Amino acid sequence: MALVPVSLGYGATNPKGGTMITTLHKWGITSGLMYTAGFVSIGASFASWMASNRLEASGMDRADRWGIFVGEWAPTFFAIGVALRTEEMQDGGMPDTMGHRRTADEKADGRADASAVMR
């Protein structure tokens, strides 16, 4: 039986080639979306703790477990966001605030407009 090296880090490949991060990037998932998901997860963690604490008779221990469980998602979303940001930078620059990439002509026009404003 042959052993196949497995990498669980940034370079982990999927069966069709490329990395998980590259695949997410191709699907249009942006770093900003992942950062937003991280912050939403923090809010959801607090909300799940509050809801469990108030609505269940199981007590504080169970509420704490729910809050911690949901709270553990945030670092994952932030880490994927950092990896996607690296992928975006390697792919020719960061997208604008709406996640759209500018074409080379738009970039050239933008630089010209910025230099005109500075004069």
Foldseek 3Di string as FASTA:
>chain_A
DDDDDADPDQQGADPVGDGPLVVCVVVLDALVNLLVVLVVLLVVLVVQLVCCCPPPPPHNVVSNVSSVVSNVVNVVSNVSSVSRQVVQVVVPHAAPPVSHRDDPVVVVVVVVVVVVVVD
